[in-house]
Every structure is written in C-alpha cells, then in structure tokens.
Protein backbone atom coordinates (compact mmCIF):
# COMPACT_ATOMS: atom_id res chain seq x y z
CA MET A 1 -0.13 -0.01 0.04
CA LYS A 2 2.78 2.15 0.56
CA ASN A 3 4.42 2.15 -2.64
CA LYS A 4 1.11 2.62 -4.25
CA LEU A 5 0.50 5.66 -2.32
CA ALA A 6 4.50 6.52 -3.62
CA LEU A 7 3.71 5.74 -7.19
CA LEU A 8 0.07 8.33 -7.16
CA VAL A 9 2.69 11.08 -5.88
CA MET A 10 4.90 10.76 -8.09
CA SER A 11 2.54 10.65 -10.96
CA ALA A 12 0.82 13.53 -9.73
CA ARG A 13 4.05 15.66 -9.37
CA ASN A 14 4.25 14.37 -13.27
CA LEU A 15 1.25 16.32 -14.28
CA ASN A 16 2.21 19.75 -15.52
CA ARG A 17 -0.09 22.30 -16.67
CA GLN A 18 -0.49 21.76 -20.06
CA HIS A 19 -1.53 18.49 -19.05
CA ILE A 20 -4.32 20.07 -16.71
CA GLN A 21 -5.56 22.04 -19.78
CA LEU A 22 -5.93 18.90 -21.80
CA ILE A 23 -7.84 16.57 -19.50
CA LEU A 24 -10.15 20.53 -18.95
CA VAL A 25 -10.68 21.03 -22.79
CA ILE A 26 -11.70 16.59 -23.50
CA VAL A 27 -13.36 16.59 -20.74
CA SER A 28 -15.88 19.68 -21.78
CA LEU A 29 -15.52 18.58 -24.85
CA ALA A 30 -17.35 15.08 -24.28
CA MET A 31 -20.16 17.05 -21.81
CA LEU A 32 -20.48 19.38 -24.70
CA VAL A 33 -21.01 16.58 -27.63
CA LEU A 34 -23.56 14.60 -24.35
CA GLY A 35 -25.25 17.91 -24.45
CA THR A 36 -26.37 18.01 -27.79
CA GLY A 37 -27.88 14.10 -28.07
CA ALA A 38 -30.00 14.89 -24.70
CA PRO A 39 -33.72 14.94 -25.39
CA LEU A 40 -35.84 17.94 -25.08
CA GLU A 41 -38.11 18.54 -22.03
CA GLY A 42 -41.12 16.59 -22.61
CA GLY A 43 -40.39 14.94 -25.88
CA GLY A 44 -43.62 13.47 -26.55
CA VAL A 45 -43.86 10.14 -28.92
CA GLY A 46 -46.52 11.71 -31.30
CA ILE A 47 -45.57 14.68 -33.21
CA ARG A 48 -48.76 17.07 -33.89
C-alpha cells in the first residue's frame, strides 16, 4: 500500500499545466457532445 501511495504522488508531480488543460478540454468537449445528444424536455412520442 505504501508503494502505491508513493507511485500516486510521483505521477501527480509529473502532471504539468498543459496536461491539466488538455484533460479539461477533453472533459468539456465530451460534456458538449453529451449535451447536444440529450432529448428535449417533454419529448413526446407523437408530433402534432
């Protein structure tokens, strides 16, 4: 368990600002794609 914690700390130190920005961009694009595919509110079956 101690080795895993040390490995986690080492990998967290290797993250720089560009990695964090890239992760945020990917997450925001994924949320945008999921949001555009969301159904409209009250989307009934029959269109009148």
